Amino acid sequence: MVTFLAGGTGTPKLLDGAAGVFAPESTTVVGNTGDDVELGGHLVCPDVDTVLFHGGGVLDTERWWGIADDTTETHAELSRLADAAGLEGGPRYLDDEAQTAGRDIARWRRFSGVAEFMEIGDRDRAVHLTRTSLLDEGHTLTEVTRTLAEAFGLDVDVVPMSDDPVATIVHTEDGPLHFQEYWVAERGAPAVEDVEFRGADAAAPTDAVREALRDDVVVGPSNPVTSIGPMLALDGVREALAETTVVAVSPFVEDRVFSGPAADLMRGTGREPSTAGVADAYPFADAFVLDDDDGTALDRPVVRTDTRIGDTADAARVARACREALEVAR
């Protein structure tokens, strides 16, 4: 039994080759939900959906976002209508009261759908409509996620980190921004001053997550701050990880990050943007998988391989290194 902590694109890329190394029916994927947004009334779970779409064979792997060959007629029409009506484009936050009223699962991350600032494909939108409708019918996010995983034919168990809302807020020189506004709308340009996981103090990992964290855990090469950080902010998660065997894959080669805003976010939260900084962020990790060119000296066992993941064969190679690291860690 093995559990992957997944966020962003790093861990989903690793999962692409994991099936031949870790039996899918004995694998759980815990998805980050700190990046979730409610856009135009529909709950969008980007990190969970990347796992669902990839496992279902429909992910747009050019962007690692959305469904391949999806149409965007609704998205385009929303922009056209806003322009014709003289409405300002997004991101358009709903007011403070609307952020916490009504559907609890979406609090602190509600945006108007007027000229939506995130491109949502038409088939992609159907997933969000189904998710939100099932939540409105009284199902938990865990139940809904498992229902969607079944619809996409996944063999692994996919669960959100919590059924409670947690919003990743990036504090910048331009003020506080939801992570999706910071990364999608602003392209990560504003200087980062801090990162807040709003609501984490009142949120809890689900029973499914607590059970999964009793198994061996692989922390993939995801962003330590905004992909894995929201999970670590939940009560009891760090303690659970300290009690089991954990292997982490560095998203850096020494001080060079493979992709994304991890370096800026780590620097902005007072951590060294490097493999050494990742090790400091993961004191519960028993072993690390590092790139062959990464000479960082750590105080824990290290397995080295080529950690760049460009295709399924690459992912399988890194997954095998994770299995070796788990064996070494025990």
Protein backbone atom coordinates (compact mmCIF):
# COMPACT_ATOMS: atom_id res chain seq x y z
CA MET A 1 0.00 0.00 0.00
CA VAL A 2 1.33 3.44 -0.92
CA THR A 3 -0.03 6.97 -0.77
CA PHE A 4 1.02 9.84 -3.03
CA LEU A 5 0.58 13.47 -1.95
CA ALA A 6 -0.30 15.27 -5.17
CA GLY A 7 -0.51 18.89 -6.21
CA GLY A 8 0.36 20.93 -9.27
CA THR A 9 1.86 18.94 -12.15
CA GLY A 10 4.92 17.32 -10.56
CA THR A 11 3.23 14.41 -8.80
CA PRO A 12 0.67 13.74 -11.57
CA LYS A 13 3.61 13.42 -13.96
CA LEU A 14 5.19 10.92 -11.58
CA LEU A 15 1.92 8.97 -11.39
CA ASP A 16 2.12 8.51 -15.16
CA GLY A 17 4.73 5.80 -14.60
CA ALA A 18 3.77 4.59 -11.15
CA ALA A 19 1.28 1.89 -12.19
CA GLY A 20 4.04 -0.50 -13.22
CA VAL A 21 5.85 0.00 -9.91
CA PHE A 22 3.06 0.36 -7.35
CA ALA A 23 -0.13 -1.68 -7.80
CA PRO A 24 -2.92 0.81 -8.68
CA GLU A 25 -5.52 -1.02 -6.58
CA SER A 26 -3.24 -0.50 -3.55
CA THR A 27 -2.47 3.16 -4.32
CA THR A 28 -4.15 6.24 -2.85
CA VAL A 29 -3.66 9.75 -4.19
CA VAL A 30 -4.39 12.61 -1.80
CA GLY A 31 -5.07 15.77 -3.79
CA ASN A 32 -4.37 19.33 -2.71
CA THR A 33 -7.52 21.47 -2.54
CA GLY A 34 -5.95 24.75 -1.43
CA ASP A 35 -5.90 25.86 -5.09
CA ASP A 36 -9.64 25.26 -5.58
CA VAL A 37 -11.88 28.12 -6.71
CA GLU A 38 -15.57 28.64 -7.15
CA LEU A 39 -15.88 30.32 -10.52
CA GLY A 40 -19.31 31.45 -11.63
CA GLY A 41 -20.90 29.20 -9.00
CA HIS A 42 -19.00 26.03 -10.03
CA LEU A 43 -16.34 24.48 -7.82
CA VAL A 44 -13.11 23.93 -9.76
CA CYS A 45 -10.54 21.59 -8.16
CA PRO A 46 -7.48 21.99 -10.42
CA ASP A 47 -5.06 19.64 -8.64
CA VAL A 48 -7.61 16.88 -8.14
CA ASP A 49 -8.86 17.25 -11.72
CA THR A 50 -5.34 16.90 -13.13
CA VAL A 51 -5.16 13.47 -11.49
CA LEU A 52 -8.68 12.54 -12.64
CA PHE A 53 -8.15 13.66 -16.23
CA HIS A 54 -4.73 12.06 -16.49
CA GLY A 55 -5.91 8.78 -15.01
CA GLY A 56 -8.87 8.87 -17.38
CA GLY A 57 -6.60 9.38 -20.38
CA VAL A 58 -8.08 12.75 -21.34
CA LEU A 59 -5.66 15.27 -19.80
CA ASP A 60 -4.20 17.97 -22.02
CA THR A 61 -0.57 17.01 -21.41
CA GLU A 62 0.72 19.98 -23.41
CA ARG A 63 -0.57 22.31 -20.69
CA TRP A 64 -1.15 19.76 -17.90
CA TRP A 65 -4.46 21.47 -17.40
CA GLY A 66 -7.96 20.68 -18.67
CA ILE A 67 -9.13 18.12 -21.20
CA ALA A 68 -7.28 17.49 -24.45
CA ASP A 69 -8.97 18.82 -27.60
CA ASP A 70 -11.71 20.43 -25.52
CA THR A 71 -13.74 23.26 -27.03
CA THR A 72 -14.03 26.61 -25.26
CA GLU A 73 -17.22 28.06 -26.73
CA THR A 74 -18.73 28.98 -23.35
CA HIS A 75 -15.51 30.58 -22.16
CA ALA A 76 -15.21 32.64 -25.35
CA GLU A 77 -18.85 33.73 -25.17
CA LEU A 78 -18.43 34.87 -21.57
CA SER A 79 -15.60 37.16 -22.68
CA ARG A 80 -17.57 38.41 -25.68
CA LEU A 81 -20.62 39.21 -23.55
CA ALA A 82 -18.57 41.07 -20.96
CA ASP A 83 -16.86 43.12 -23.64
CA ALA A 84 -20.14 43.93 -25.39
CA ALA A 85 -21.75 44.94 -22.11
CA GLY A 86 -18.80 47.05 -20.99
CA LEU A 87 -18.09 44.80 -18.01
CA GLU A 88 -14.57 44.75 -16.61
CA GLY A 89 -12.73 41.45 -16.99
CA GLY A 90 -11.57 39.23 -14.16
CA PRO A 91 -10.46 38.26 -11.66
CA ARG A 92 -13.69 39.54 -10.08
CA TYR A 93 -13.93 38.47 -6.44
CA LEU A 94 -17.40 38.29 -4.94
CA ASP A 95 -17.80 40.56 -1.90
CA ASP A 96 -16.65 39.54 1.57
CA GLU A 97 -20.06 38.38 2.78
CA ALA A 98 -20.56 36.22 -0.28
CA GLN A 99 -17.19 34.56 0.33
CA THR A 100 -18.45 32.82 3.47
CA ALA A 101 -22.23 32.66 3.00
CA GLY A 102 -23.99 29.67 1.50
CA ARG A 103 -21.93 26.72 0.28
CA ASP A 104 -19.18 26.31 2.89
CA ILE A 105 -16.92 24.26 0.65
CA ALA A 106 -16.08 27.29 -1.49
CA ARG A 107 -15.47 29.98 1.11
CA TRP A 108 -12.63 32.50 0.60
CA ARG A 109 -12.19 31.59 -3.03
CA ARG A 110 -15.30 32.80 -4.84
CA PHE A 111 -15.04 34.59 -8.16
CA SER A 112 -17.67 35.92 -10.52
CA GLY A 113 -17.97 34.10 -13.82
CA VAL A 114 -18.12 37.38 -15.75
CA ALA A 115 -15.29 37.26 -18.30
CA GLU A 116 -13.84 34.36 -16.30
CA PHE A 117 -10.11 34.72 -15.83
CA MET A 118 -9.41 30.97 -16.00
CA GLU A 119 -10.04 29.24 -19.30
CA ILE A 120 -12.48 26.40 -18.68
CA GLY A 121 -13.20 24.00 -21.53
CA ASP A 122 -16.73 22.87 -22.27
CA ARG A 123 -16.19 19.22 -21.28
CA ASP A 124 -14.11 20.38 -18.33
CA ARG A 125 -17.01 22.59 -17.23
CA ALA A 126 -19.32 19.57 -17.20
CA VAL A 127 -17.11 18.03 -14.51
CA HIS A 128 -17.37 21.16 -12.36
CA LEU A 129 -21.14 21.33 -12.85
CA THR A 130 -21.48 17.70 -11.80
CA ARG A 131 -19.19 18.17 -8.80
CA THR A 132 -21.01 21.27 -7.56
CA SER A 133 -24.43 19.73 -8.09
CA LEU A 134 -23.52 16.61 -6.13
CA LEU A 135 -22.19 18.80 -3.31
CA ASP A 136 -25.47 20.71 -3.34
CA GLU A 137 -27.28 17.38 -3.08
CA GLY A 138 -25.48 16.79 0.21
CA HIS A 139 -22.53 14.60 -0.76
CA THR A 140 -19.06 15.30 0.65
CA LEU A 141 -16.17 16.34 -1.56
CA THR A 142 -14.56 12.96 -0.84
CA GLU A 143 -17.66 11.11 -2.03
CA VAL A 144 -17.93 13.30 -5.12
CA THR A 145 -14.26 12.87 -5.99
CA ARG A 146 -14.54 9.10 -5.77
CA THR A 147 -17.66 9.21 -7.94
CA LEU A 148 -15.83 11.22 -10.59
CA ALA A 149 -12.82 8.89 -10.38
CA GLU A 150 -15.12 5.98 -11.11
CA ALA A 151 -16.61 7.87 -14.06
CA PHE A 152 -13.12 8.39 -15.49
CA GLY A 153 -12.19 4.75 -14.91
CA LEU A 154 -9.35 5.26 -12.44
CA ASP A 155 -7.90 2.23 -10.66
CA VAL A 156 -6.26 4.27 -7.88
CA ASP A 157 -8.24 5.79 -5.02
CA VAL A 158 -8.30 9.58 -5.34
CA VAL A 159 -9.37 11.65 -2.33
CA PRO A 160 -9.19 15.37 -1.50
CA MET A 161 -7.04 16.40 1.45
CA SER A 162 -10.13 17.63 3.32
CA ASP A 163 -13.88 18.05 2.96
CA ASP A 164 -13.43 21.47 4.58
CA PRO A 165 -12.41 24.61 2.66
CA VAL A 166 -8.80 25.80 2.70
CA ALA A 167 -7.75 28.67 0.46
CA THR A 168 -4.13 29.33 -0.47
CA ILE A 169 -3.66 33.10 -0.31
CA VAL A 170 -0.40 34.52 -1.63
CA HIS A 171 0.51 37.79 0.08
CA THR A 172 2.35 39.96 -2.42
CA GLU A 173 3.60 43.48 -2.91
CA ASP A 174 0.27 44.10 -4.67
CA GLY A 175 -1.75 42.77 -1.74
CA PRO A 176 -3.25 39.34 -0.97
CA LEU A 177 -4.15 37.21 -4.01
CA HIS A 178 -5.77 33.81 -4.21
CA PHE A 179 -3.20 31.41 -5.67
CA GLN A 180 -5.12 31.13 -8.94
CA GLU A 181 -5.13 34.92 -9.35
CA TYR A 182 -1.41 35.04 -8.51
CA TRP A 183 -0.47 32.25 -10.92
CA VAL A 184 -3.08 32.35 -13.69
CA ALA A 185 -4.07 36.01 -13.89
CA GLU A 186 -0.80 37.60 -12.76
CA ARG A 187 1.51 34.88 -14.14
CA GLY A 188 3.39 34.81 -10.84
CA ALA A 189 4.75 38.31 -11.40
CA PRO A 190 4.09 40.05 -8.04
CA ALA A 191 6.83 39.60 -5.45
CA VAL A 192 5.80 37.10 -2.77
CA GLU A 193 5.88 38.26 0.85
CA ASP A 194 4.13 35.33 2.54
CA VAL A 195 1.64 32.51 1.93
CA GLU A 196 -1.43 31.85 4.05
CA PHE A 197 -3.58 28.71 4.14
CA ARG A 198 -6.80 30.40 5.11
CA GLY A 199 -9.20 28.13 6.95
CA ALA A 200 -6.64 25.42 7.70
CA ASP A 201 -7.00 25.95 11.44
CA ALA A 202 -10.68 24.98 11.19
CA ALA A 203 -10.25 22.22 8.58
CA ALA A 204 -9.47 18.58 9.17
CA PRO A 205 -8.10 15.74 7.07
CA THR A 206 -10.82 13.21 6.28
CA ASP A 207 -10.94 9.70 7.67
CA ALA A 208 -9.86 8.49 4.21
CA VAL A 209 -6.77 10.71 4.36
CA ARG A 210 -5.90 9.66 7.91
CA GLU A 211 -6.14 6.01 6.85
CA ALA A 212 -4.03 6.63 3.75
CA LEU A 213 -1.30 8.30 5.81
CA ARG A 214 -0.80 5.06 7.73
CA ASP A 215 0.70 3.57 4.55
CA ASP A 216 4.05 4.36 2.97
CA VAL A 217 3.94 7.91 1.57
CA VAL A 218 5.57 9.40 -1.51
CA VAL A 219 5.72 13.19 -1.72
CA GLY A 220 6.16 13.81 -5.43
CA PRO A 221 8.12 16.65 -7.05
CA SER A 222 5.34 19.14 -6.37
CA ASN A 223 5.67 22.70 -5.12
CA PRO A 224 6.46 22.40 -1.38
CA VAL A 225 4.68 25.66 -0.54
CA THR A 226 1.39 25.74 -2.41
CA SER A 227 0.93 22.12 -3.52
CA ILE A 228 2.01 20.25 -0.39
CA GLY A 229 1.88 23.10 2.16
CA PRO A 230 -1.94 23.17 2.44
CA MET A 231 -1.96 19.48 3.41
CA LEU A 232 0.78 19.98 6.00
CA ALA A 233 -1.24 22.84 7.51
CA LEU A 234 -4.07 20.48 8.46
CA ASP A 235 -4.20 19.30 12.05
CA GLY A 236 -2.49 15.96 12.52
CA VAL A 237 -0.97 15.55 9.06
CA ARG A 238 2.62 16.31 10.00
CA GLU A 239 2.32 14.04 13.02
CA ALA A 240 0.92 11.22 10.87
CA LEU A 241 3.76 11.60 8.38
CA ALA A 242 6.30 11.44 11.21
CA GLU A 243 4.87 8.06 12.21
CA THR A 244 5.07 6.39 8.79
CA THR A 245 7.72 5.89 6.11
CA VAL A 246 7.98 8.91 3.82
CA VAL A 247 10.03 9.47 0.67
CA ALA A 248 10.14 12.85 -1.06
CA VAL A 249 11.23 13.70 -4.59
CA SER A 250 12.91 17.09 -4.87
CA PRO A 251 11.49 19.43 -7.52
CA PHE A 252 14.92 21.09 -7.60
CA VAL A 253 18.35 20.14 -8.88
CA GLU A 254 20.36 21.85 -6.14
CA ASP A 255 19.05 25.44 -6.58
CA ARG A 256 17.46 25.02 -10.03
CA VAL A 257 13.75 24.31 -10.07
CA PHE A 258 12.29 22.20 -12.87
CA SER A 259 9.21 24.39 -13.43
CA GLY A 260 6.62 26.62 -11.83
CA PRO A 261 6.81 29.22 -9.07
CA ALA A 262 8.30 27.03 -6.33
CA ALA A 263 11.52 29.06 -6.06
CA ASP A 264 9.71 32.41 -5.69
CA LEU A 265 7.24 30.98 -3.19
CA MET A 266 9.91 29.33 -1.07
CA ARG A 267 12.00 32.48 -1.07
CA GLY A 268 8.94 34.56 -0.18
CA THR A 269 8.13 32.33 2.78
CA GLY A 270 11.66 32.43 4.18
CA ARG A 271 12.91 29.09 2.86
CA GLU A 272 15.97 28.49 0.76
CA PRO A 273 14.79 27.78 -2.82
CA SER A 274 16.73 24.57 -3.26
CA THR A 275 16.82 20.88 -2.48
CA ALA A 276 18.25 21.76 0.92
CA GLY A 277 15.25 24.02 1.48
CA VAL A 278 12.89 21.22 0.52
CA ALA A 279 14.57 18.91 3.03
CA ASP A 280 14.12 21.56 5.74
CA ALA A 281 10.43 21.84 4.79
CA TYR A 282 9.99 18.07 5.08
CA PRO A 283 11.54 17.07 8.43
CA PHE A 284 9.25 14.01 8.43
CA ALA A 285 10.80 12.60 5.22
CA ASP A 286 12.89 9.50 5.88
CA ALA A 287 14.63 9.50 2.49
CA PHE A 288 14.88 11.60 -0.66
CA VAL A 289 15.04 10.98 -4.38
CA LEU A 290 17.41 13.47 -6.00
CA ASP A 291 18.63 14.06 -9.52
CA ASP A 292 21.96 12.55 -10.59
CA ASP A 293 23.31 16.08 -10.98
CA ASP A 294 22.15 17.16 -7.52
CA GLY A 295 25.10 17.00 -5.15
CA THR A 296 23.21 18.33 -2.12
CA ALA A 297 24.37 16.60 1.05
CA LEU A 298 21.42 15.66 3.25
CA ASP A 299 21.21 14.12 6.72
CA ARG A 300 18.93 11.36 5.41
CA PRO A 301 19.33 8.54 2.88
CA VAL A 302 19.32 9.59 -0.77
CA VAL A 303 18.58 7.65 -3.95
CA ARG A 304 19.70 9.37 -7.14
CA THR A 305 18.38 9.06 -10.67
CA ASP A 306 17.52 11.33 -13.58
CA THR A 307 14.46 13.04 -12.07
CA ARG A 308 13.37 14.99 -15.13
CA ILE A 309 9.98 13.64 -16.22
CA GLY A 310 9.13 14.13 -19.88
CA ASP A 311 7.25 10.93 -20.64
CA THR A 312 5.94 7.69 -19.14
CA ALA A 313 9.35 6.00 -19.25
CA ASP A 314 10.86 8.88 -17.27
CA ALA A 315 8.03 8.68 -14.75
CA ALA A 316 8.53 4.94 -14.33
CA ARG A 317 12.25 5.46 -13.70
CA VAL A 318 11.55 8.00 -10.94
CA ALA A 319 8.82 5.76 -9.48
CA ARG A 320 11.33 2.89 -9.27
CA ALA A 321 13.72 5.23 -7.45
CA CYS A 322 10.90 6.04 -5.02
CA ARG A 323 10.35 2.33 -4.37
CA GLU A 324 14.08 1.88 -3.75
CA ALA A 325 14.10 4.88 -1.41
CA LEU A 326 11.19 3.43 0.57
CA GLU A 327 13.10 0.20 0.98
CA VAL A 328 16.22 2.08 2.10
CA ALA A 329 14.18 4.20 4.52
CA ARG A 330 12.75 1.15 6.25
